[in-house]
Each structure stands twice: as structure tokens, then as C-alpha cells.
Amino acid sequence: MYYVYMILCRGGGYYTGLTNDLCHRMRAHAAGKGGRYTHAHPPLALAALWRCAHETAARRLEYAIKKRLRRREKESLIAHPDALPFANLPHEDYRSVPGVTLADCLEGRFHD
């Protein structure tokens, strides 16, 4: 199972990534070891999360969010995570996972 996630970071920016172990990846980000951006801008909240059918689907969604969306569009996607604005991505490959928080991941309460 793969996940694409958006994190709200200190400074107000968003970081988008993918993983097959969400809690491990969130702990790495929180420890400053998850990526260059989150090392400089620690995570504040898990803003959005999608479960993807397979790794290729996760990579396509991550790329689309990172490269095609501007800030306002990312905020709209966070507000409406089921409304993926990408016509070329098959929607049956993605499902939003509501209600998961950064604290759930850091404390190991998220289990798939």
C-alpha cells in the first residue's frame, strides 16, 4: 500500500511526498531527516492523505500535485481531497484518507 501525503510545514509551505510506511516517514520528517525541505521547515500538520492502489499511481499523483498545482490549488485540494483535479489520473486508483493526524502517525496510532 502506498500513500501520497501533504504536510503543512513551519513557515506556511506545503511538502508533498509518498511512502509505503506512513508513520515511519512522518517520524523521519519530524526528526528533520525526512527531506531537505522538512529539515529546514519542520512539519506542523498532516494536511491531506491519499491511499493509492500501487506505487505507480502514487508516483503519478505526487508528481501531479508537486508540478501542476499552485498554492491556491493545493489549498483547494486539501479542503476537498476527494476532488482530484487531474483528468488523466484514474480516480479509482486513489482514495482520500480523512481524519489522520500527524500526532496519530508520530504516536503509532495509524494502522492500515
C-alpha atoms as a PDB file:
ATOM      1  CA  MET A   1       0.000   0.000   0.000  1.00  0.00           C
ATOM      2  CA  TYR A   2       1.350   3.405  -0.943  1.00  0.00           C
ATOM      3  CA  TYR A   3       0.332   6.816   0.330  1.00  0.00           C
ATOM      4  CA  VAL A   4       0.690  10.330  -1.004  1.00  0.00           C
ATOM      5  CA  TYR A   5       0.623  12.981   1.685  1.00  0.00           C
ATOM      6  CA  MET A   6       0.738  16.738   2.046  1.00  0.00           C
ATOM      7  CA  ILE A   7       2.276  18.244   5.165  1.00  0.00           C
ATOM      8  CA  LEU A   8       1.787  21.816   6.348  1.00  0.00           C
ATOM      9  CA  CYS A   9       5.234  22.994   7.434  1.00  0.00           C
ATOM     10  CA  ARG A  10       6.574  25.789   9.607  1.00  0.00           C
ATOM     11  CA  GLY A  11       6.607  28.926   7.503  1.00  0.00           C
ATOM     12  CA  GLY A  12       3.288  28.027   5.851  1.00  0.00           C
ATOM     13  CA  GLY A  13       4.609  25.945   2.966  1.00  0.00           C
ATOM     14  CA  TYR A  14       3.410  22.523   1.921  1.00  0.00           C
ATOM     15  CA  TYR A  15       5.528  19.432   1.372  1.00  0.00           C
ATOM     16  CA  THR A  16       4.182  16.608  -0.781  1.00  0.00           C
ATOM     17  CA  GLY A  17       5.631  13.121  -0.667  1.00  0.00           C
ATOM     18  CA  LEU A  18       4.902   9.428  -0.998  1.00  0.00           C
ATOM     19  CA  THR A  19       5.639   6.432   1.171  1.00  0.00           C
ATOM     20  CA  ASN A  20       4.708   2.841   1.840  1.00  0.00           C
ATOM     21  CA  ASP A  21       5.148   3.329   5.632  1.00  0.00           C
ATOM     22  CA  LEU A  22       3.348   6.497   6.679  1.00  0.00           C
ATOM     23  CA  CYS A  23       4.237   6.510  10.390  1.00  0.00           C
ATOM     24  CA  HIS A  24       7.921   5.838   9.736  1.00  0.00           C
ATOM     25  CA  ARG A  25       8.044   8.637   7.158  1.00  0.00           C
ATOM     26  CA  MET A  26       6.258  11.151   9.417  1.00  0.00           C
ATOM     27  CA  ARG A  27       8.656  10.367  12.263  1.00  0.00           C
ATOM     28  CA  ALA A  28      11.585  10.939   9.883  1.00  0.00           C
ATOM     29  CA  HIS A  29      10.158  14.313   8.814  1.00  0.00           C
ATOM     30  CA  ALA A  30       9.554  15.322  12.434  1.00  0.00           C
ATOM     31  CA  ALA A  31      13.139  14.381  13.321  1.00  0.00           C
ATOM     32  CA  GLY A  32      14.483  16.544  10.482  1.00  0.00           C
ATOM     33  CA  LYS A  33      15.634  13.520   8.487  1.00  0.00           C
ATOM     34  CA  GLY A  34      12.774  13.176   6.015  1.00  0.00           C
ATOM     35  CA  GLY A  35      13.940  15.580   3.356  1.00  0.00           C
ATOM     36  CA  ARG A  36      15.803  18.804   2.790  1.00  0.00           C
ATOM     37  CA  TYR A  37      12.669  20.963   2.872  1.00  0.00           C
ATOM     38  CA  THR A  38      11.249  19.453   6.052  1.00  0.00           C
ATOM     39  CA  HIS A  39      14.655  19.617   7.709  1.00  0.00           C
ATOM     40  CA  ALA A  40      14.537  23.410   7.309  1.00  0.00           C
ATOM     41  CA  HIS A  41      10.741  23.679   7.745  1.00  0.00           C
ATOM     42  CA  PRO A  42       9.534  21.104  10.295  1.00  0.00           C
ATOM     43  CA  PRO A  43       6.054  19.635   9.835  1.00  0.00           C
ATOM     44  CA  LEU A  44       3.146  21.142  11.752  1.00  0.00           C
ATOM     45  CA  ALA A  45       0.241  19.054  10.481  1.00  0.00           C
ATOM     46  CA  LEU A  46      -0.715  16.328   8.067  1.00  0.00           C
ATOM     47  CA  ALA A  47      -2.831  18.361   5.654  1.00  0.00           C
ATOM     48  CA  ALA A  48      -4.049  15.613   3.297  1.00  0.00           C
ATOM     49  CA  LEU A  49      -3.563  11.906   2.699  1.00  0.00           C
ATOM     50  CA  TRP A  50      -4.438   9.548  -0.162  1.00  0.00           C
ATOM     51  CA  ARG A  51      -4.196   5.758  -0.286  1.00  0.00           C
ATOM     52  CA  CYS A  52      -3.008   4.644  -3.710  1.00  0.00           C
ATOM     53  CA  ALA A  53      -3.658   1.346  -5.438  1.00  0.00           C
ATOM     54  CA  HIS A  54       0.010   0.833  -6.351  1.00  0.00           C
ATOM     55  CA  GLU A  55       3.383   2.574  -6.437  1.00  0.00           C
ATOM     56  CA  THR A  56       2.984   3.873  -9.986  1.00  0.00           C
ATOM     57  CA  ALA A  57      -0.310   5.525  -9.052  1.00  0.00           C
ATOM     58  CA  ALA A  58       1.335   7.128  -6.014  1.00  0.00           C
ATOM     59  CA  ARG A  59       4.224   8.478  -8.084  1.00  0.00           C
ATOM     60  CA  ARG A  60       1.844   9.940 -10.661  1.00  0.00           C
ATOM     61  CA  LEU A  61      -0.281  11.644  -8.024  1.00  0.00           C
ATOM     62  CA  GLU A  62       2.741  13.014  -6.152  1.00  0.00           C
ATOM     63  CA  TYR A  63       4.193  14.385  -9.396  1.00  0.00           C
ATOM     64  CA  ALA A  64       0.880  15.955 -10.405  1.00  0.00           C
ATOM     65  CA  ILE A  65       0.480  17.723  -7.055  1.00  0.00           C
ATOM     66  CA  LYS A  66       4.083  18.923  -6.945  1.00  0.00           C
ATOM     67  CA  LYS A  67       4.411  20.064 -10.553  1.00  0.00           C
ATOM     68  CA  ARG A  68       0.947  21.063 -11.706  1.00  0.00           C
ATOM     69  CA  LEU A  69      -0.658  22.808  -8.732  1.00  0.00           C
ATOM     70  CA  ARG A  70      -0.002  26.266  -7.400  1.00  0.00           C
ATOM     71  CA  ARG A  71      -0.522  27.144  -3.756  1.00  0.00           C
ATOM     72  CA  ARG A  72      -4.195  28.133  -4.063  1.00  0.00           C
ATOM     73  CA  GLU A  73      -4.945  24.931  -5.978  1.00  0.00           C
ATOM     74  CA  LYS A  74      -3.145  22.874  -3.310  1.00  0.00           C
ATOM     75  CA  GLU A  75      -5.238  24.551  -0.612  1.00  0.00           C
ATOM     76  CA  SER A  76      -8.390  23.755  -2.575  1.00  0.00           C
ATOM     77  CA  LEU A  77      -7.299  20.127  -2.889  1.00  0.00           C
ATOM     78  CA  ILE A  78      -6.643  19.960   0.869  1.00  0.00           C
ATOM     79  CA  ALA A  79     -10.142  21.336   1.529  1.00  0.00           C
ATOM     80  CA  HIS A  80     -11.687  18.820  -0.923  1.00  0.00           C
ATOM     81  CA  PRO A  81      -9.315  15.832  -1.099  1.00  0.00           C
ATOM     82  CA  ASP A  82     -11.780  13.633  -2.997  1.00  0.00           C
ATOM     83  CA  ALA A  83     -11.935  16.138  -5.851  1.00  0.00           C
ATOM     84  CA  LEU A  84      -8.634  15.361  -7.569  1.00  0.00           C
ATOM     85  CA  PRO A  85      -8.331  17.883 -10.429  1.00  0.00           C
ATOM     86  CA  PHE A  86      -6.392  15.595 -12.772  1.00  0.00           C
ATOM     87  CA  ALA A  87      -8.380  14.193 -15.686  1.00  0.00           C
ATOM     88  CA  ASN A  88      -5.534  11.919 -16.789  1.00  0.00           C
ATOM     89  CA  LEU A  89      -5.299  10.072 -13.458  1.00  0.00           C
ATOM     90  CA  PRO A  90      -7.790   7.204 -12.995  1.00  0.00           C
ATOM     91  CA  HIS A  91      -9.722   8.131  -9.872  1.00  0.00           C
ATOM     92  CA  GLU A  92     -10.286   4.511  -8.871  1.00  0.00           C
ATOM     93  CA  ASP A  93      -6.535   4.311  -8.076  1.00  0.00           C
ATOM     94  CA  TYR A  94      -6.782   6.958  -5.329  1.00  0.00           C
ATOM     95  CA  ARG A  95      -8.832   7.273  -2.161  1.00  0.00           C
ATOM     96  CA  SER A  96      -8.530  10.070   0.387  1.00  0.00           C
ATOM     97  CA  VAL A  97      -7.962   9.004   3.985  1.00  0.00           C
ATOM     98  CA  PRO A  98      -9.686  11.549   6.232  1.00  0.00           C
ATOM     99  CA  GLY A  99      -9.095  12.104   9.912  1.00  0.00           C
ATOM    100  CA  VAL A 100      -5.460  11.007  10.161  1.00  0.00           C
ATOM    101  CA  THR A 101      -3.281  13.494  12.033  1.00  0.00           C
ATOM    102  CA  LEU A 102       0.448  13.972  12.333  1.00  0.00           C
ATOM    103  CA  ALA A 103       0.133  13.035  16.021  1.00  0.00           C
ATOM    104  CA  ASP A 104      -1.544   9.736  15.039  1.00  0.00           C
ATOM    105  CA  CYS A 105       1.493   8.892  12.945  1.00  0.00           C
ATOM    106  CA  LEU A 106       4.102  10.079  15.432  1.00  0.00           C
ATOM    107  CA  GLU A 107       2.461   8.049  18.210  1.00  0.00           C
ATOM    108  CA  GLY A 108       1.952   4.973  16.025  1.00  0.00           C
ATOM    109  CA  ARG A 109      -1.859   5.152  16.108  1.00  0.00           C
ATOM    110  CA  PHE A 110      -2.293   4.946  12.334  1.00  0.00           C
ATOM    111  CA  HIS A 111      -2.521   1.387  11.084  1.00  0.00           C
ATOM    112  CA  ASP A 112      -3.592   0.392   7.633  1.00  0.00           C
END
